[in-house]
Amino acid sequence: MHSKRASKHVRRITPYLMTVGLGLAVAANAAEPESLDDETVEIPAPTIDTDGDGLMDAWDRSGNGQADAWDKDGDGQPDLLDDDGDGQPD
């Protein structure tokens, strides 16, 4: 008789335990930070030729028509940044 009661009790709480387990699994998965290796950050092509050589080598990040990021080594990535708005690399 005792085993039938235990069996009935287990059957009754099983859906609740599964719901709690699923909720904890979803919460733990959401709390994991996403790795940057999976996502590559796209940097747009430079749009300004600051040294007059015919190759675009600077970006206008602020949209004011003046360069505020420069690619000095030619790898297509900004190397020098102007974050204070004075028109010169910081």
Protein backbone atom coordinates (compact mmCIF):
# COMPACT_ATOMS: atom_id res chain seq x y z
CA MET A 1 0.00 0.00 0.00
CA HIS A 2 2.78 2.41 0.81
CA SER A 3 4.44 2.00 -2.58
CA LYS A 4 1.22 2.85 -4.42
CA ARG A 5 0.95 6.13 -2.48
CA ALA A 6 4.55 7.02 -3.22
CA SER A 7 4.08 6.18 -6.87
CA LYS A 8 0.96 8.35 -7.05
CA HIS A 9 2.77 11.22 -5.31
CA VAL A 10 5.71 11.02 -7.72
CA ARG A 11 3.36 11.09 -10.71
CA ARG A 12 1.64 14.16 -9.31
CA ILE A 13 4.80 16.22 -8.76
CA THR A 14 6.66 15.13 -11.90
CA PRO A 15 5.15 17.87 -14.14
CA TYR A 16 6.06 20.51 -11.56
CA LEU A 17 9.62 19.23 -11.28
CA MET A 18 9.97 19.20 -15.06
CA THR A 19 8.65 22.77 -15.30
CA VAL A 20 11.06 23.98 -12.62
CA GLY A 21 13.96 22.18 -14.29
CA LEU A 22 13.13 23.65 -17.66
CA GLY A 23 12.80 27.13 -16.14
CA LEU A 24 16.20 26.84 -14.48
CA ALA A 25 17.81 25.58 -17.69
CA VAL A 26 16.41 28.49 -19.70
CA ALA A 27 17.51 31.01 -17.08
CA ALA A 28 21.02 29.54 -16.93
CA ASN A 29 21.30 29.61 -20.72
CA ALA A 30 20.16 33.23 -20.86
CA ALA A 31 22.71 34.21 -18.21
CA GLU A 32 25.66 32.90 -20.25
CA PRO A 33 27.49 35.69 -22.06
CA GLU A 34 27.64 35.32 -25.82
CA SER A 35 31.11 34.81 -27.15
CA LEU A 36 32.51 37.36 -29.57
CA ASP A 37 34.25 34.58 -31.50
CA ASP A 38 30.94 33.53 -33.02
CA GLU A 39 30.12 37.04 -34.14
CA THR A 40 32.50 39.12 -36.17
CA VAL A 41 32.11 42.85 -35.81
CA GLU A 42 31.80 44.41 -39.24
CA ILE A 43 33.73 47.63 -39.71
CA PRO A 44 32.56 49.55 -42.76
CA ALA A 45 35.07 50.56 -45.41
CA PRO A 46 36.78 53.93 -44.93
CA THR A 47 35.13 56.78 -46.83
CA ILE A 48 37.62 59.69 -46.64
CA ASP A 49 41.04 60.09 -48.32
CA THR A 50 42.95 62.24 -45.83
CA ASP A 51 46.42 62.01 -47.34
CA GLY A 52 45.47 62.53 -51.01
CA ASP A 53 46.93 59.26 -52.31
CA GLY A 54 43.65 58.10 -53.87
CA LEU A 55 43.03 55.43 -51.22
CA MET A 56 40.34 55.85 -48.60
CA ASP A 57 42.02 55.81 -45.20
CA ALA A 58 39.64 57.47 -42.73
CA TRP A 59 36.12 57.24 -41.33
CA ASP A 60 33.56 59.88 -40.41
CA ARG A 61 32.00 58.15 -37.40
CA SER A 62 30.18 61.25 -36.13
CA GLY A 63 28.68 62.21 -39.51
CA ASN A 64 29.97 65.79 -39.45
CA GLY A 65 32.01 65.48 -42.68
CA GLN A 66 35.39 65.32 -40.92
CA ALA A 67 37.54 62.27 -40.36
CA ASP A 68 37.56 60.98 -36.79
CA ALA A 69 39.12 57.52 -37.25
CA TRP A 70 42.20 56.68 -39.33
CA ASP A 71 43.78 53.52 -40.74
CA LYS A 72 47.52 54.15 -40.62
CA ASP A 73 48.78 50.62 -41.38
CA GLY A 74 46.47 49.84 -44.34
CA ASP A 75 44.72 46.82 -42.82
CA GLY A 76 41.20 48.24 -43.20
CA GLN A 77 40.73 48.65 -39.44
CA PRO A 78 40.77 52.03 -37.67
CA ASP A 79 44.03 52.48 -35.74
CA LEU A 80 43.79 56.08 -34.55
CA LEU A 81 40.58 57.49 -33.08
CA ASP A 82 39.39 61.00 -32.29
CA ASP A 83 36.96 60.59 -29.42
CA ASP A 84 37.06 64.16 -28.11
CA GLY A 85 36.06 65.84 -31.42
CA ASP A 86 39.13 68.03 -31.93
CA GLY A 87 39.98 66.54 -35.36
CA GLN A 88 43.21 64.98 -34.12
CA PRO A 89 43.91 61.39 -33.01
CA ASP A 90 43.68 60.89 -29.23
